[in-house]
Protein backbone atom coordinates (compact mmCIF):
# COMPACT_ATOMS: atom_id res chain seq x y z
CA MET A 1 25.32 -14.33 -29.41
CA ARG A 2 23.77 -13.17 -26.27
CA ILE A 3 23.85 -14.04 -22.64
CA GLY A 4 20.90 -14.27 -20.30
CA ILE A 5 21.28 -14.54 -16.40
CA ASP A 6 18.82 -14.81 -13.70
CA VAL A 7 19.86 -14.21 -10.09
CA GLY A 8 17.67 -16.21 -7.63
CA GLY A 9 17.73 -16.40 -3.77
CA THR A 10 19.24 -19.87 -4.32
CA ASN A 11 20.93 -20.36 -7.75
CA THR A 12 22.19 -17.85 -10.37
CA ASP A 13 21.23 -19.32 -13.78
CA ALA A 14 23.00 -18.43 -17.12
CA VAL A 15 22.55 -19.46 -20.81
CA LEU A 16 24.58 -18.63 -23.94
CA LEU A 17 22.25 -18.29 -26.95
CA ASP A 18 22.98 -17.74 -30.73
CA SER A 19 19.70 -16.66 -32.18
CA ALA A 20 17.18 -19.35 -30.77
CA THR A 21 19.79 -22.02 -30.25
CA VAL A 22 20.96 -22.80 -26.58
CA LEU A 23 24.74 -23.17 -26.95
CA ALA A 24 25.38 -23.66 -23.04
CA GLU A 25 23.66 -23.54 -20.00
CA SER A 26 24.86 -23.03 -16.16
CA LYS A 27 23.42 -23.02 -12.57
CA ALA A 28 25.60 -21.66 -10.16
CA THR A 29 25.07 -21.09 -6.34
CA THR A 30 23.90 -17.24 -5.94
CA SER A 31 26.86 -15.60 -3.88
CA ALA A 32 26.35 -13.20 -1.06
CA ASP A 33 27.84 -10.25 -3.12
CA VAL A 34 25.89 -11.56 -6.28
CA THR A 35 28.66 -10.46 -8.85
CA SER A 36 31.11 -13.45 -8.13
CA GLY A 37 28.07 -15.90 -8.43
CA ILE A 38 27.65 -14.27 -12.01
CA VAL A 39 31.22 -14.48 -12.81
CA ASP A 40 31.10 -18.27 -11.91
CA ALA A 41 27.99 -19.00 -14.17
CA ILE A 42 29.58 -17.10 -17.14
CA GLY A 43 32.79 -19.03 -16.31
CA ASP A 44 30.89 -22.26 -16.68
CA LEU A 45 29.43 -21.21 -19.98
CA GLN A 46 32.82 -20.56 -21.15
CA ARG A 47 33.98 -24.07 -20.30
CA GLN A 48 31.05 -25.71 -21.95
CA HIS A 49 31.14 -23.68 -25.16
CA PRO A 50 34.25 -21.47 -25.33
CA PHE A 51 33.59 -18.02 -26.89
CA GLU A 52 35.17 -14.63 -27.16
CA PRO A 53 33.51 -12.15 -25.02
CA SER A 54 33.68 -9.72 -28.19
CA ARG A 55 31.20 -11.79 -30.01
CA VAL A 56 28.48 -11.47 -27.30
CA ARG A 57 26.10 -8.50 -28.56
CA ALA A 58 24.18 -8.20 -25.15
CA VAL A 59 23.82 -9.37 -21.73
CA MET A 60 20.51 -9.53 -19.94
CA ILE A 61 20.17 -9.96 -16.37
CA GLY A 62 17.25 -10.37 -14.08
CA THR A 63 17.94 -9.81 -10.41
CA THR A 64 16.18 -10.01 -7.04
CA HIS A 65 18.44 -7.28 -5.43
CA PHE A 66 15.62 -4.65 -5.35
CA ILE A 67 12.60 -6.57 -4.09
CA ASN A 68 14.88 -8.22 -1.50
CA ALA A 69 15.97 -4.81 -0.19
CA ILE A 70 12.31 -4.08 0.65
CA VAL A 71 11.33 -7.23 2.04
CA GLU A 72 14.25 -7.21 4.25
CA ALA A 73 13.91 -3.35 4.90
CA ASN A 74 17.66 -3.10 4.32
CA ARG A 75 20.07 -0.86 2.08
CA LEU A 76 17.58 1.74 1.63
CA CYS A 77 18.39 5.52 1.47
CA SER A 78 16.96 8.54 3.20
CA THR A 79 13.68 9.44 1.58
CA ALA A 80 11.22 12.11 1.76
CA VAL A 81 7.62 12.24 -0.15
CA ILE A 82 5.98 15.36 -1.15
CA ARG A 83 2.56 15.31 -2.15
CA LEU A 84 0.62 18.11 -4.04
CA GLY A 85 -3.02 18.04 -3.14
CA LEU A 86 -3.78 20.64 -0.38
CA PRO A 87 -6.48 21.71 0.60
CA ALA A 88 -7.55 18.09 -0.26
CA THR A 89 -6.19 14.84 0.77
CA ALA A 90 -4.96 16.18 4.19
CA ALA A 91 -7.20 13.46 5.95
CA ILE A 92 -4.82 10.62 4.83
CA PRO A 93 -1.17 11.61 4.82
CA PRO A 94 1.42 9.80 2.94
CA LEU A 95 3.21 6.65 4.58
CA VAL A 96 -0.32 5.66 6.18
CA GLU A 97 -0.43 1.88 6.99
CA TRP A 98 3.28 1.24 6.12
CA PRO A 99 5.23 -1.23 8.02
CA GLU A 100 7.21 0.77 10.73
CA ARG A 101 10.29 -1.18 9.98
CA LEU A 102 10.31 0.29 6.36
CA VAL A 103 9.61 3.59 7.52
CA THR A 104 12.53 3.53 9.90
CA ALA A 105 14.71 1.96 7.39
CA MET A 106 14.46 4.90 4.79
CA ASN A 107 14.11 7.55 7.66
CA GLY A 108 10.83 8.39 5.82
CA THR A 109 9.55 11.92 6.22
CA ALA A 110 6.25 13.36 4.54
CA TYR A 111 5.19 16.97 3.37
CA LEU A 112 1.76 17.90 2.28
CA CYS A 113 1.85 20.79 0.01
CA HIS A 114 -0.77 22.85 -2.28
CA GLY A 115 -1.24 21.62 -5.76
CA GLY A 116 -2.77 18.84 -7.66
CA HIS A 117 -5.69 18.41 -10.32
CA GLU A 118 -9.00 17.54 -10.31
CA PHE A 119 -10.05 14.58 -12.52
CA ASP A 120 -10.78 16.97 -15.48
CA GLY A 121 -7.34 18.15 -15.33
CA SER A 122 -8.37 21.57 -13.78
CA LEU A 123 -6.18 22.75 -10.75
CA ILE A 124 -7.15 21.98 -7.23
CA ALA A 125 -4.91 24.77 -6.15
CA PRO A 126 -1.71 26.51 -7.56
CA LEU A 127 1.70 25.78 -6.10
CA ASP A 128 2.73 27.82 -3.06
CA ARG A 129 6.35 28.96 -3.56
CA ALA A 130 6.90 29.97 0.01
CA GLU A 131 5.85 26.48 1.10
CA LEU A 132 7.85 24.53 -1.39
CA ASP A 133 11.01 26.91 -0.41
CA ALA A 134 10.54 25.77 3.17
CA VAL A 135 10.14 22.26 2.27
CA THR A 136 13.36 22.07 0.25
CA ARG A 137 15.38 23.64 2.93
CA GLN A 138 14.25 21.08 5.40
CA LEU A 139 15.06 18.37 2.74
CA ALA A 140 18.67 19.78 2.59
CA ASP A 141 18.94 20.29 6.39
CA ASN A 142 17.90 16.73 7.23
CA GLY A 143 20.22 14.99 4.70
CA VAL A 144 17.48 13.50 2.41
CA ARG A 145 18.90 11.72 -0.46
CA SER A 146 15.84 10.74 -2.56
CA VAL A 147 12.54 12.54 -2.99
CA ALA A 148 9.27 11.06 -4.22
CA ILE A 149 6.82 13.70 -5.70
CA SER A 150 3.09 12.65 -6.20
CA SER A 151 0.35 15.09 -7.22
CA VAL A 152 -3.40 14.23 -7.28
CA PHE A 153 -4.28 12.97 -10.86
CA SER A 154 -0.76 13.33 -12.36
CA PRO A 155 -1.52 10.73 -14.90
CA VAL A 156 -4.19 13.20 -16.15
CA ASN A 157 -1.85 16.13 -15.99
CA ALA A 158 1.91 15.85 -14.79
CA GLU A 159 2.92 19.50 -15.08
CA LEU A 160 3.08 20.28 -11.43
CA GLU A 161 5.28 17.08 -10.66
CA HIS A 162 7.70 18.24 -13.33
CA GLU A 163 7.76 21.76 -12.07
CA VAL A 164 8.51 20.66 -8.25
CA ALA A 165 10.88 17.88 -9.46
CA SER A 166 12.91 20.84 -11.16
CA LEU A 167 12.75 23.03 -8.11
CA VAL A 168 13.89 20.06 -5.90
CA ALA A 169 16.88 19.25 -8.16
CA ASP A 170 17.77 22.81 -8.20
CA ARG A 171 17.66 23.49 -4.39
CA VAL A 172 18.99 20.09 -2.97
CA PRO A 173 21.92 19.17 -5.28
CA GLY A 174 22.62 15.57 -5.75
CA VAL A 175 19.25 14.43 -4.64
CA HIS A 176 17.46 11.64 -6.58
CA VAL A 177 13.67 12.60 -7.68
CA SER A 178 11.05 10.12 -8.57
CA MET A 179 7.61 11.34 -9.94
CA SER A 180 4.61 9.23 -9.52
CA HIS A 181 2.96 9.57 -12.99
CA GLU A 182 6.32 7.76 -14.33
CA ILE A 183 5.83 4.84 -11.71
CA GLY A 184 2.21 4.00 -10.98
CA ARG A 185 -1.31 4.20 -12.52
CA MET A 186 -4.51 5.73 -11.39
CA GLY A 187 -4.98 5.47 -7.77
CA LEU A 188 -3.22 8.18 -5.59
CA LEU A 189 -2.15 6.13 -2.50
CA GLU A 190 -0.94 3.38 -4.46
CA ARG A 191 0.76 5.27 -6.96
CA GLU A 192 2.30 7.42 -4.30
CA ASN A 193 3.49 4.31 -2.42
CA ALA A 194 5.28 2.75 -5.56
CA THR A 195 6.99 6.08 -6.12
CA ILE A 196 8.27 6.08 -2.54
CA ILE A 197 9.50 2.56 -2.72
CA ASN A 198 11.29 3.45 -5.99
CA ALA A 199 12.80 6.47 -4.37
CA SER A 200 14.24 4.49 -1.31
CA LEU A 201 15.95 2.41 -3.74
CA ARG A 202 17.73 4.75 -6.04
CA GLU A 203 21.10 4.75 -4.25
CA LEU A 204 21.10 0.81 -4.37
CA ALA A 205 20.13 1.07 -7.96
CA ASP A 206 23.15 3.17 -8.74
CA HIS A 207 25.46 0.80 -6.82
CA VAL A 208 23.97 -2.43 -8.25
CA CYS A 209 24.03 -1.10 -11.79
CA THR A 210 27.57 0.20 -11.62
CA GLY A 211 28.87 -3.10 -9.95
CA LEU A 212 27.28 -5.36 -12.78
CA ALA A 213 28.65 -3.19 -15.32
CA SER A 214 32.01 -3.24 -14.01
CA THR A 215 32.08 -6.92 -13.51
CA LEU A 216 31.19 -7.70 -17.16
CA ALA A 217 33.84 -5.06 -18.14
CA GLU A 218 36.46 -6.94 -16.08
CA GLU A 219 35.41 -10.08 -17.77
CA GLY A 220 36.00 -8.86 -21.23
CA PHE A 221 32.38 -7.87 -22.21
CA HIS A 222 31.73 -4.62 -23.94
CA ALA A 223 28.22 -5.33 -24.95
CA PRO A 224 25.33 -3.42 -23.54
CA LEU A 225 23.83 -4.71 -20.41
CA TYR A 226 20.05 -4.78 -19.99
CA LEU A 227 17.89 -5.61 -16.86
CA SER A 228 14.57 -7.55 -17.12
CA GLN A 229 11.39 -5.65 -16.47
CA ASN A 230 8.15 -6.99 -14.52
CA ASP A 231 6.33 -7.13 -17.82
CA GLY A 232 8.89 -9.37 -19.68
CA THR A 233 10.73 -6.56 -21.65
CA LEU A 234 14.10 -5.15 -21.21
CA MET A 235 15.33 -1.73 -19.87
CA ASP A 236 18.98 -0.45 -19.99
CA VAL A 237 21.14 0.36 -17.23
CA ASP A 238 20.39 4.10 -17.07
CA PHE A 239 16.68 3.28 -17.05
CA ALA A 240 17.19 0.64 -14.41
CA ARG A 241 19.21 3.43 -12.25
CA LYS A 242 15.88 5.65 -12.30
CA TYR A 243 13.28 2.76 -12.00
CA PRO A 244 14.54 0.10 -9.79
CA VAL A 245 10.86 -1.13 -9.04
CA ALA A 246 10.38 -2.12 -12.58
CA THR A 247 12.57 -5.31 -11.90
CA PHE A 248 10.52 -6.45 -8.71
CA ALA A 249 8.92 -9.49 -10.63
CA SER A 250 11.48 -10.18 -13.13
CA GLY A 251 11.99 -13.65 -11.98
CA PRO A 252 8.70 -15.17 -12.42
CA THR A 253 8.25 -13.09 -15.41
CA ASN A 254 11.51 -14.34 -17.06
CA SER A 255 10.53 -17.94 -16.23
CA MET A 256 7.10 -17.47 -18.10
CA ARG A 257 8.58 -15.87 -21.13
CA GLY A 258 11.29 -18.70 -21.16
CA ALA A 259 8.58 -21.20 -20.97
CA ALA A 260 6.81 -19.63 -23.89
CA PHE A 261 10.01 -19.77 -25.88
CA LEU A 262 10.89 -23.28 -25.01
CA SER A 263 7.57 -24.78 -25.46
CA GLY A 264 6.26 -22.87 -28.53
CA ILE A 265 2.84 -22.34 -26.52
CA ASP A 266 1.99 -18.66 -26.05
CA THR A 267 -1.35 -19.17 -24.12
CA CYS A 268 -0.89 -21.44 -21.19
CA ALA A 269 -0.36 -21.77 -17.60
CA VAL A 270 3.27 -21.86 -16.33
CA VAL A 271 4.43 -23.44 -13.14
CA ASP A 272 7.85 -22.44 -12.05
CA VAL A 273 9.21 -24.63 -9.22
CA GLY A 274 12.23 -23.55 -7.19
CA GLY A 275 13.76 -24.72 -4.13
CA THR A 276 11.48 -23.12 -1.78
CA SER A 277 8.22 -22.46 -3.69
CA SER A 278 6.10 -22.93 -6.86
CA ASP A 279 5.10 -19.69 -8.75
CA VAL A 280 1.88 -20.04 -11.06
CA GLY A 281 1.19 -17.50 -13.69
CA ILE A 282 -0.77 -17.34 -16.94
CA LEU A 283 0.67 -16.57 -20.23
CA GLN A 284 -1.28 -14.64 -22.89
CA SER A 285 -0.06 -13.97 -26.25
CA GLY A 286 3.46 -14.99 -24.99
CA PHE A 287 3.25 -12.30 -22.27
CA PRO A 288 2.48 -12.73 -18.31
CA ARG A 289 -0.95 -11.81 -17.60
CA GLU A 290 -0.67 -8.78 -15.42
CA ALA A 291 -2.37 -8.09 -12.09
CA THR A 292 -5.49 -5.71 -12.28
CA SER A 293 -5.63 -4.96 -8.71
CA GLU A 294 -3.34 -3.54 -6.15
CA VAL A 295 0.00 -5.31 -5.65
CA ASP A 296 1.43 -5.77 -2.01
CA VAL A 297 5.12 -5.29 -1.89
CA GLY A 298 6.73 -5.84 1.63
CA GLY A 299 3.37 -4.93 3.39
CA VAL A 300 2.75 -1.91 1.10
CA ARG A 301 -0.19 -1.37 -1.34
CA THR A 302 1.14 -0.54 -4.89
CA ASN A 303 -0.18 -0.31 -8.23
CA PHE A 304 2.59 -0.60 -10.79
CA ARG A 305 2.87 -3.33 -13.46
CA MET A 306 3.34 -6.80 -11.98
CA PRO A 307 2.52 -10.25 -13.35
CA ASP A 308 -0.60 -11.89 -12.03
CA VAL A 309 1.21 -14.84 -9.93
CA LEU A 310 0.18 -17.07 -7.15
CA SER A 311 2.78 -18.84 -5.03
CA ILE A 312 2.79 -21.97 -2.64
CA GLY A 313 5.22 -23.07 -0.37
CA ILE A 314 6.26 -26.26 -2.35
CA GLY A 315 9.55 -26.72 -3.96
CA GLY A 316 12.57 -29.15 -4.40
CA GLY A 317 13.94 -28.46 -1.01
CA SER A 318 10.50 -28.39 1.03
CA ARG A 319 10.72 -30.78 3.94
CA ALA A 320 8.59 -33.82 3.78
CA ARG A 321 7.32 -35.57 6.92
CA ARG A 322 4.50 -37.51 8.33
CA GLU A 323 2.66 -36.19 11.35
CA ASN A 324 -0.43 -37.70 13.07
CA GLY A 325 -0.72 -40.05 10.32
CA HIS A 326 -0.60 -37.57 7.46
CA VAL A 327 2.14 -36.56 5.04
CA THR A 328 2.94 -32.84 4.86
CA VAL A 329 5.40 -31.21 2.39
CA GLY A 330 6.69 -27.66 2.93
CA PRO A 331 6.23 -24.70 3.58
CA ASP A 332 9.47 -24.76 5.42
CA SER A 333 12.47 -25.84 3.06
CA VAL A 334 16.18 -26.46 3.41
CA GLY A 335 16.53 -24.02 0.39
CA TYR A 336 20.08 -23.51 -0.71
CA ARG A 337 21.36 -26.11 1.64
CA ILE A 338 19.51 -28.92 -0.57
CA ARG A 339 22.87 -30.31 -1.72
CA GLU A 340 23.80 -30.84 1.89
CA GLU A 341 20.69 -31.76 3.64
CA ALA A 342 18.57 -33.92 1.04
CA LEU A 343 18.85 -37.63 1.59
CA VAL A 344 19.93 -38.05 -2.05
CA PHE A 345 23.02 -35.82 -1.46
CA GLY A 346 23.97 -37.56 1.81
CA GLY A 347 22.07 -35.50 4.22
CA GLN A 348 19.51 -36.33 6.88
CA THR A 349 16.52 -34.50 5.82
CA THR A 350 13.63 -35.96 3.65
CA THR A 351 12.69 -33.38 1.02
CA ALA A 352 10.25 -33.17 -1.78
CA THR A 353 13.17 -34.07 -4.24
CA ASP A 354 13.86 -37.07 -2.19
CA LEU A 355 10.11 -38.45 -2.63
CA ALA A 356 10.44 -37.63 -6.39
CA VAL A 357 13.60 -39.87 -6.67
CA ALA A 358 12.09 -42.51 -4.55
CA GLY A 359 8.99 -42.40 -6.83
CA GLY A 360 11.04 -43.05 -9.96
CA MET A 361 10.24 -39.39 -11.36
CA ALA A 362 13.87 -38.19 -11.14
CA THR A 363 17.34 -39.23 -11.21
CA VAL A 364 19.51 -37.05 -9.25
CA GLY A 365 22.05 -37.77 -6.16
CA ASP A 366 21.93 -41.28 -5.01
CA PRO A 367 18.91 -43.18 -5.33
CA ASP A 368 19.87 -45.75 -2.94
CA ALA A 369 19.96 -43.18 -0.17
CA VAL A 370 16.07 -43.08 -0.45
CA ARG A 371 15.20 -46.76 -0.73
CA HIS A 372 14.35 -46.78 3.18
CA VAL A 373 11.56 -44.25 2.65
CA ASP A 374 8.18 -45.71 3.28
CA GLU A 375 6.46 -46.17 0.13
CA ALA A 376 2.99 -44.93 1.34
CA THR A 377 4.90 -41.65 2.43
CA VAL A 378 6.22 -41.24 -1.08
CA ARG A 379 3.10 -41.99 -2.79
CA GLU A 380 1.29 -39.69 -0.41
CA GLY A 381 3.76 -36.83 -0.60
CA LEU A 382 3.84 -36.87 -4.58
CA ALA A 383 -0.04 -36.72 -4.62
CA LEU A 384 -0.01 -34.16 -2.10
CA MET A 385 2.10 -31.91 -4.13
CA ALA A 386 0.41 -32.56 -7.58
CA ASP A 387 -3.00 -31.85 -6.00
CA GLU A 388 -1.78 -28.57 -4.31
CA VAL A 389 -0.07 -27.10 -7.60
CA ALA A 390 -3.21 -28.30 -9.84
CA GLY A 391 -5.40 -26.37 -7.32
CA LEU A 392 -3.46 -23.26 -7.91
CA VAL A 393 -3.53 -23.62 -11.59
CA ASP A 394 -7.46 -23.80 -11.42
CA ARG A 395 -7.59 -20.67 -9.12
CA MET A 396 -5.66 -18.82 -11.95
CA ARG A 397 -7.98 -19.89 -14.71
CA THR A 398 -10.57 -16.96 -15.78
CA SER A 399 -12.61 -19.41 -17.67
CA PRO A 400 -13.95 -23.04 -17.49
CA ALA A 401 -11.75 -24.26 -20.34
CA PRO A 402 -8.70 -26.09 -19.21
CA LEU A 403 -5.18 -24.65 -19.96
CA PRO A 404 -1.95 -26.47 -21.02
CA VAL A 405 0.53 -26.28 -18.53
CA VAL A 406 4.38 -25.82 -19.01
CA LEU A 407 6.62 -26.95 -16.12
CA VAL A 408 9.98 -25.01 -15.60
CA GLY A 409 12.63 -24.65 -12.80
CA GLY A 410 15.04 -26.88 -11.41
CA GLY A 411 12.42 -28.10 -8.82
CA SER A 412 9.94 -28.97 -11.38
CA ILE A 413 11.05 -32.62 -11.31
CA ILE A 414 8.81 -32.99 -8.19
CA LEU A 415 5.66 -32.72 -10.27
CA PRO A 416 4.21 -35.59 -12.40
CA ASP A 417 3.47 -35.47 -16.24
CA GLU A 418 -0.46 -34.96 -15.54
CA LEU A 419 -1.96 -32.23 -13.40
CA GLY A 420 -5.75 -32.05 -12.74
CA ASP A 421 -7.78 -31.76 -15.92
CA ALA A 422 -4.91 -29.96 -17.89
CA PRO A 423 -5.04 -31.29 -21.37
CA LYS A 424 -1.34 -31.24 -21.78
CA VAL A 425 1.45 -30.96 -19.32
CA LEU A 426 5.01 -30.15 -20.91
CA ARG A 427 8.36 -30.10 -19.40
CA PRO A 428 10.53 -28.79 -22.36
CA ASP A 429 14.24 -28.94 -22.86
CA HIS A 430 16.28 -26.57 -20.87
CA TYR A 431 13.39 -26.31 -18.46
CA SER A 432 15.74 -25.75 -15.47
CA VAL A 433 17.07 -22.43 -16.84
CA ALA A 434 13.93 -21.17 -18.33
CA ASN A 435 14.39 -17.95 -16.50
CA ALA A 436 17.72 -17.19 -18.00
CA ILE A 437 16.39 -17.88 -21.37
CA GLY A 438 13.59 -15.65 -20.59
CA ALA A 439 15.91 -12.87 -19.84
CA ALA A 440 17.99 -13.76 -23.02
CA ILE A 441 15.33 -13.37 -25.50
CA ALA A 442 13.29 -10.62 -23.85
CA GLN A 443 12.06 -7.92 -26.17
CA ILE A 444 11.96 -3.93 -25.63
CA GLY A 445 8.74 -2.68 -24.92
CA GLY A 446 6.78 0.62 -24.91
CA GLU A 447 3.37 1.52 -23.15
CA VAL A 448 0.82 4.18 -23.08
CA ASP A 449 -1.49 4.25 -20.31
CA ARG A 450 -3.44 7.67 -19.68
CA ILE A 451 -6.91 9.30 -20.20
CA PHE A 452 -8.04 10.24 -23.53
CA ALA A 453 -11.12 12.40 -24.71
CA VAL A 454 -12.81 10.21 -27.29
CA ASP A 455 -15.29 12.43 -29.17
CA GLN A 456 -18.05 10.81 -30.99
CA GLY A 457 -16.83 9.08 -34.22
CA ARG A 458 -13.18 9.44 -33.34
CA ARG A 459 -12.71 6.11 -31.25
CA ASP A 460 -10.66 4.59 -34.06
CA ALA A 461 -8.45 7.81 -34.52
CA VAL A 462 -7.71 8.16 -30.65
CA LEU A 463 -6.88 4.15 -30.52
CA ASP A 464 -4.56 4.64 -33.56
CA GLU A 465 -2.87 7.60 -31.97
CA ALA A 466 -2.42 5.63 -28.82
CA LYS A 467 -0.89 2.77 -30.67
CA GLN A 468 1.40 4.86 -32.59
CA GLU A 469 2.52 6.65 -29.50
CA ALA A 470 3.18 3.15 -27.90
CA ALA A 471 5.19 1.81 -30.85
CA ASP A 472 7.25 5.06 -31.01
CA SER A 473 8.09 4.64 -27.23
CA ALA A 474 9.30 1.07 -27.84
CA VAL A 475 11.33 2.28 -30.84
CA ALA A 476 12.91 5.25 -28.44
CA ALA A 477 13.75 2.40 -26.00
CA GLY A 478 15.92 0.36 -28.46
CA ALA A 479 13.49 -1.74 -30.44
CA GLU A 480 14.15 -2.58 -34.07
CA PRO A 481 11.33 -0.49 -35.86
CA GLY A 482 10.38 -3.19 -38.41
CA THR A 483 9.74 -5.81 -35.62
CA VAL A 484 7.22 -3.65 -33.40
CA GLU A 485 3.85 -4.93 -32.95
CA ILE A 486 1.17 -4.08 -30.62
CA VAL A 487 0.39 -7.02 -28.06
CA GLU A 488 -2.22 -5.46 -25.84
CA VAL A 489 -4.92 -2.82 -26.03
CA GLU A 490 -7.29 -2.12 -23.37
CA GLU A 491 -10.16 0.58 -23.01
CA PHE A 492 -11.84 1.58 -19.69
CA PRO A 493 -14.72 4.20 -20.16
CA ILE A 494 -14.83 6.48 -17.17
CA ALA A 495 -18.27 7.64 -16.60
CA TYR A 496 -17.70 10.39 -13.93
CA LEU A 497 -15.25 12.29 -16.20
CA PRO A 498 -16.88 14.68 -18.88
CA GLY A 499 -15.91 14.58 -22.59
CA ASN A 500 -16.13 10.72 -23.20
CA ALA A 501 -13.27 10.41 -21.23
CA THR A 502 -11.58 6.88 -21.67
CA ARG A 503 -8.61 5.42 -20.06
CA ILE A 504 -6.60 3.61 -22.87
CA ARG A 505 -3.68 1.33 -22.40
CA VAL A 506 -1.63 0.06 -25.29
CA LYS A 507 1.42 -2.05 -24.99
CA ALA A 508 3.90 -2.42 -28.09
CA VAL A 509 6.89 -4.69 -28.11
CA GLY A 510 9.85 -5.30 -30.60
CA ASP A 511 13.05 -7.18 -30.86
CA LEU A 512 16.23 -5.56 -29.44
CA SER A 513 18.01 -3.74 -32.08
CA LEU A 514 21.52 -5.06 -32.07
CA GLN A 515 24.12 -5.78 -34.98
CA ASP A 516 24.07 -9.27 -36.23
CA ASP A 517 24.64 -11.92 -33.61
């Protein structure tokens, strides 16, 4: 058996799985301290299907802790960035165009030092030891607790980042170090930004991971704990402590992976409807399609792995009203207060859920409480929500061919069984906890993303090398060797690099290696 948990802003969802069978599911209110909400959800699972904690072989959690900390500019530690690139890159220093509130929250400081590489791997300039000695003294004097290190073209050659990271760790005891070649992709500023964000979250990651592990231990669980990553795979607690940014999109990713598992469709559009918003993403071969452009996180441009998701302010708690003869739904929402404010629960606010109940699409709360709602308002409101979401699905398509749509999330009761020109619309069993199921069934992944020299006649050999490296990486991360498969291969010839340089990205996934469930 395994337990999957997804901590959202409104609800904490949990499921108990035995292989592919859902034994119990729970939806508890997310608590301010998060951990008590998790305990409540696990307790509910226990009441529905009594089990011994010792029989649980793994616990998987998706959490919004870290993305919320960036959005709220809260709980960030004192962070400095060291960029290796002088005499180049001086025109645009680190932290350019960052929101002031974020820079202030992390007490951000930046240092430009000599180093870095050209696109062909040759040195821009050697490291300046005296310069780095001065920087490390300032780091210690200023009480910096986390350092982000970025070097020009470090995905081509990461040697200098490793060297400076070792120096910083020696000179500033106890400091956390994040290196850009491990965080982002090609593109200095975006990769550097992602690394700074990761560095600012390292202390919080320690605190959260320790708290989650302690909470589970207190509840009698001794199974390994894993956190969900942006790409739909898992990472263990130690990895999560080092790379908290890898969890940023775990919520929508878990929902999409859960949708694939529950529906049996691995290529489709997924609409995840919560209390405040609806997220639309595309599944390709069972995994979320990744964003190919830069990703904005809290007002900062980054380029780490994130699913390609579009959101709209329509959810189960969205306020519905008639203004100037027209019905509007959202973007404002009663959110987690829906059980207090929605009409069907005895409140005074007309919400999207009330429209769905009044229209006969859902049976929650007290249907008599919405009998007075104007029929035209119900009809127009439901049509508006369906049209808005269908338009979002259309925007996500990359070809004229319509895609089947899978609806998940507790708020999906507000959407009809037909959306636009979708050939099929499914709302599978356990749809309301698809996010927790996605966490529970997540696999272990390994990825290679770097530049290879592809000599004439050696393309297949280079690709095989990259695939083997990705597979080995998945096994090293905890995947069962016999289950590893290559799910994605991308090639990007780089015309301005010598030696037939090609950026090759390979992703491998495999089932989590555990004892028999």
